Amino acid sequence: MQDELRYSGEPGSLDDAAFQLAKLARVPESSRLQFRDLIALALEEAYIGNWIILQHFPTFRASDLKRRLMSVQRAAQGLDRTLGKLQGNDVNSDKLAGVALAGCLLDVALDHATFDTQTLYPGFLPRLTAYRHSLATLIAATAEAEKRAYPLFTQVGHPTGAGGNPAFDNFVKRLYEIAQRTGGKWTHYRDRSAPRTTWKGTLMPALEILRVHLPPKGFFPDGALGRSLEHVRERA
């Protein structure tokens, strides 16, 4: 029958992907050709939408910026704690001798780290105090930048989709619409019995099948795909 959608035998072909997706979504046989045609249109829309997003907005997202700022903040806090131990913070009396020795070694290392051998340095404690003051400034600055990241990006019109890309959100919504229109249904849910966050259902496997037919750059979210799909579903 020419009006039936069958497995093409060509891995990676659109007909093959549509055949697998129709089975996952439990689309009736009578609607599978229409399902295939609608999927093809949705893929074209995804490419156009993603191209528009990449042309008008940077690929660096507010969530990326915040994550990197948090990494800097954590590193600065860890270094500050380590330097604090050299100053005797949180160190009991029987370790103070070791702290003094570490300070002397630090003095030597810092003195040898300069090409200007005539420079006279103060002791290690004043230097550590100055370094920790600078770290405190950096930590405060990153915290303030984190607060400003999302409002700033939103005000200037940057993407605010599940993965920072509205084209991805729109495509997922189109998949829901196509399944409903052709008598099928996608499932996506969290497995509460699993010890870690685990997502199940038919929607994630469908997207993995379609991945080779979707834009290769900046389309899929950087984070966990399951959480991004749940985000889209919640906002739909």
Protein backbone atom coordinates (compact mmCIF):
# COMPACT_ATOMS: atom_id res chain seq x y z
CA MET A 1 0.00 0.00 0.00
CA GLN A 2 1.41 3.41 -0.98
CA ASP A 3 -0.50 5.22 1.75
CA GLU A 4 1.16 3.30 4.58
CA LEU A 5 4.23 4.44 6.49
CA ARG A 6 6.62 1.55 6.82
CA TYR A 7 10.18 1.00 8.05
CA SER A 8 12.37 2.16 5.19
CA GLY A 9 15.34 -0.05 5.95
CA GLU A 10 17.56 3.05 5.77
CA PRO A 11 18.84 3.93 9.27
CA GLY A 12 18.84 7.67 9.81
CA SER A 13 16.28 8.46 7.12
CA LEU A 14 13.35 10.70 7.97
CA ASP A 15 10.86 7.95 7.08
CA ASP A 16 12.67 5.60 9.44
CA ALA A 17 12.60 8.22 12.22
CA ALA A 18 8.91 8.94 11.61
CA PHE A 19 8.13 5.21 11.69
CA GLN A 20 9.85 4.80 15.06
CA LEU A 21 8.24 7.96 16.46
CA ALA A 22 4.76 6.92 15.33
CA LYS A 23 5.18 3.64 17.22
CA LEU A 24 6.45 5.43 20.33
CA ALA A 25 3.54 7.88 20.29
CA ARG A 26 1.06 5.09 19.45
CA VAL A 27 -0.27 6.95 16.45
CA PRO A 28 -2.97 4.91 14.64
CA GLU A 29 -1.92 3.36 11.32
CA SER A 30 -4.45 5.50 9.46
CA SER A 31 -2.77 8.74 10.65
CA ARG A 32 0.89 7.84 10.32
CA LEU A 33 1.49 9.42 6.93
CA GLN A 34 -0.01 12.67 8.18
CA PHE A 35 2.15 12.30 11.30
CA ARG A 36 5.28 11.92 9.11
CA ASP A 37 4.42 15.01 7.06
CA LEU A 38 3.80 17.12 10.17
CA ILE A 39 7.09 15.96 11.72
CA ALA A 40 8.92 17.02 8.55
CA LEU A 41 7.33 20.49 8.74
CA ALA A 42 8.22 20.79 12.43
CA LEU A 43 11.85 19.96 11.65
CA GLU A 44 11.96 22.70 9.02
CA GLU A 45 10.47 25.17 11.52
CA ALA A 46 13.09 24.11 14.10
CA TYR A 47 15.94 24.91 11.70
CA ILE A 48 14.45 28.28 10.77
CA GLY A 49 13.68 29.18 14.40
CA ASN A 50 17.12 28.14 15.59
CA TRP A 51 18.79 30.14 12.82
CA ILE A 52 16.83 33.25 13.81
CA ILE A 53 17.78 32.82 17.47
CA LEU A 54 21.48 32.36 16.69
CA GLN A 55 21.49 35.36 14.36
CA HIS A 56 19.96 37.74 16.89
CA PHE A 57 21.18 36.45 20.23
CA PRO A 58 24.52 35.20 21.53
CA THR A 59 24.78 31.49 22.28
CA PHE A 60 26.11 32.32 25.77
CA ARG A 61 23.06 32.14 28.02
CA ALA A 62 22.18 33.71 31.33
CA SER A 63 22.20 30.25 32.94
CA ASP A 64 25.72 29.66 31.57
CA LEU A 65 26.89 32.97 33.00
CA LYS A 66 25.42 32.26 36.42
CA ARG A 67 26.94 28.77 36.52
CA ARG A 68 30.40 30.12 35.73
CA LEU A 69 30.08 32.88 38.30
CA MET A 70 29.13 30.31 40.92
CA SER A 71 32.20 28.26 39.98
CA VAL A 72 34.42 31.31 40.46
CA GLN A 73 32.73 32.05 43.78
CA ARG A 74 33.21 28.49 45.06
CA ALA A 75 36.87 28.49 44.03
CA ALA A 76 37.44 31.85 45.74
CA GLN A 77 35.74 30.65 48.92
CA GLY A 78 37.85 27.47 48.94
CA LEU A 79 41.06 29.46 48.52
CA ASP A 80 39.98 31.87 51.25
CA ARG A 81 39.38 28.98 53.66
CA THR A 82 42.82 27.57 52.87
CA LEU A 83 44.51 30.93 53.41
CA GLY A 84 42.56 31.35 56.61
CA LYS A 85 44.13 28.17 57.95
CA LEU A 86 47.58 29.65 57.26
CA GLN A 87 46.59 32.59 59.45
CA GLY A 88 45.52 30.25 62.21
CA ASN A 89 41.77 30.32 61.60
CA ASP A 90 40.07 27.10 62.75
CA VAL A 91 43.42 25.63 63.76
CA ASN A 92 43.92 24.25 67.27
CA SER A 93 46.96 25.12 69.34
CA ASP A 94 48.99 22.02 68.52
CA LYS A 95 48.98 22.98 64.82
CA LEU A 96 50.06 26.59 65.21
CA ALA A 97 53.73 25.66 64.81
CA GLY A 98 52.89 24.12 61.44
CA VAL A 99 51.04 27.27 60.47
CA ALA A 100 54.11 29.38 61.22
CA LEU A 101 56.31 27.05 59.18
CA ALA A 102 53.85 27.20 56.25
CA GLY A 103 53.95 30.98 56.46
CA CYS A 104 57.74 31.01 56.27
CA LEU A 105 57.68 28.72 53.24
CA LEU A 106 55.11 30.98 51.61
CA ASP A 107 57.34 33.97 52.25
CA VAL A 108 60.22 32.23 50.49
CA ALA A 109 58.05 31.18 47.54
CA LEU A 110 56.66 34.68 47.08
CA ASP A 111 60.06 36.30 47.35
CA HIS A 112 61.44 34.01 44.63
CA ALA A 113 58.41 34.62 42.41
CA THR A 114 59.56 38.15 41.52
CA PHE A 115 62.32 39.28 39.21
CA ASP A 116 62.91 42.35 41.36
CA THR A 117 65.23 40.93 44.02
CA GLN A 118 65.65 44.36 45.63
CA THR A 119 61.98 44.56 46.67
CA LEU A 120 61.40 44.19 50.39
CA TYR A 121 58.25 42.29 51.25
CA PRO A 122 56.29 42.47 54.46
CA GLY A 123 55.59 39.32 56.44
CA PHE A 124 53.24 36.64 55.15
CA LEU A 125 50.36 37.59 57.46
CA PRO A 126 49.88 41.10 55.99
CA ARG A 127 50.06 39.60 52.52
CA LEU A 128 47.48 36.94 53.33
CA THR A 129 45.22 39.59 54.82
CA ALA A 130 45.44 41.58 51.60
CA TYR A 131 44.79 38.49 49.46
CA ARG A 132 41.78 37.49 51.54
CA HIS A 133 40.41 41.01 51.32
CA SER A 134 40.66 40.78 47.52
CA LEU A 135 38.96 37.38 47.58
CA ALA A 136 36.14 38.79 49.70
CA THR A 137 35.67 41.52 47.09
CA LEU A 138 35.61 38.91 44.31
CA ILE A 139 33.11 36.71 46.18
CA ALA A 140 30.80 39.67 46.79
CA ALA A 141 31.08 40.75 43.15
CA THR A 142 30.18 37.29 41.82
CA ALA A 143 27.19 37.09 44.16
CA GLU A 144 25.93 40.46 42.92
CA ALA A 145 26.53 39.45 39.28
CA GLU A 146 24.51 36.25 39.79
CA LYS A 147 21.55 38.31 41.01
CA ARG A 148 21.76 40.60 38.01
CA ALA A 149 22.26 37.89 35.37
CA TYR A 150 18.66 36.83 34.72
CA PRO A 151 16.99 40.27 35.01
CA LEU A 152 19.65 41.83 32.79
CA PHE A 153 19.39 39.19 30.09
CA THR A 154 15.60 39.31 30.17
CA GLN A 155 15.47 43.11 29.86
CA VAL A 156 17.57 43.11 26.71
CA GLY A 157 15.49 40.38 25.14
CA HIS A 158 17.73 37.36 25.41
CA PRO A 159 16.21 33.88 25.09
CA THR A 160 14.56 32.50 28.20
CA GLY A 161 13.58 29.02 27.02
CA ALA A 162 14.09 25.76 28.88
CA GLY A 163 17.66 25.55 27.66
CA GLY A 164 17.96 29.22 26.80
CA ASN A 165 16.60 28.54 23.29
CA PRO A 166 12.90 29.20 22.53
CA ALA A 167 13.29 27.25 19.27
CA PHE A 168 13.78 24.09 21.33
CA ASP A 169 10.72 24.86 23.46
CA ASN A 170 8.59 25.51 20.38
CA PHE A 171 9.68 22.27 18.75
CA VAL A 172 8.75 20.22 21.83
CA LYS A 173 5.35 21.93 21.93
CA ARG A 174 4.90 21.09 18.24
CA LEU A 175 5.60 17.43 18.98
CA TYR A 176 2.82 17.44 21.58
CA GLU A 177 0.47 19.13 19.13
CA ILE A 178 1.29 16.70 16.30
CA ALA A 179 0.72 13.65 18.48
CA GLN A 180 -2.61 14.99 19.72
CA ARG A 181 -3.71 15.91 16.18
CA THR A 182 -2.95 12.44 14.81
CA GLY A 183 -4.43 10.47 17.70
CA GLY A 184 -1.19 9.71 19.52
CA LYS A 185 0.32 10.73 22.83
CA TRP A 186 3.76 11.41 24.31
CA THR A 187 4.66 10.53 27.89
CA HIS A 188 7.29 12.12 30.08
CA TYR A 189 7.54 11.67 33.84
CA ARG A 190 9.97 11.38 36.72
CA ASP A 191 10.59 7.96 38.21
CA ARG A 192 9.97 8.59 41.91
CA SER A 193 11.22 5.13 42.88
CA ALA A 194 14.71 5.74 41.51
CA PRO A 195 17.39 6.91 43.99
CA ARG A 196 18.46 9.68 41.62
CA THR A 197 16.49 11.91 39.30
CA THR A 198 15.47 9.63 36.45
CA TRP A 199 13.12 10.57 33.61
CA LYS A 200 11.07 8.03 31.72
CA GLY A 201 8.49 8.01 28.95
CA THR A 202 8.46 8.18 25.16
CA LEU A 203 9.33 11.83 24.55
CA MET A 204 13.04 11.64 25.42
CA PRO A 205 13.69 8.61 23.16
CA ALA A 206 11.80 10.43 20.39
CA LEU A 207 14.09 13.45 20.65
CA GLU A 208 17.16 11.23 20.58
CA ILE A 209 15.88 9.63 17.37
CA LEU A 210 15.29 13.08 15.88
CA ARG A 211 18.62 14.53 17.06
CA VAL A 212 20.35 13.80 13.74
CA HIS A 213 17.58 15.70 11.91
CA LEU A 214 17.70 18.76 14.17
CA PRO A 215 20.10 21.75 14.19
CA PRO A 216 23.53 20.62 15.41
CA LYS A 217 24.47 23.96 16.99
CA GLY A 218 22.86 25.54 20.05
CA PHE A 219 19.50 23.80 19.72
CA PHE A 220 19.42 21.27 22.56
CA PRO A 221 19.71 22.50 26.17
CA ASP A 222 23.06 22.16 27.91
CA GLY A 223 21.61 20.68 31.08
CA ALA A 224 19.62 17.50 31.72
CA LEU A 225 17.24 16.91 28.82
CA GLY A 226 14.57 15.40 31.05
CA ARG A 227 14.31 18.47 33.27
CA SER A 228 14.18 20.79 30.27
CA LEU A 229 11.30 18.78 28.78
CA GLU A 230 9.45 18.95 32.09
CA HIS A 231 10.02 22.71 32.11
CA VAL A 232 8.41 22.98 28.66
CA ARG A 233 5.49 20.80 29.70
CA GLU A 234 4.87 22.87 32.83
CA ARG A 235 4.83 26.11 30.85
CA ALA A 236 2.77 24.79 27.95
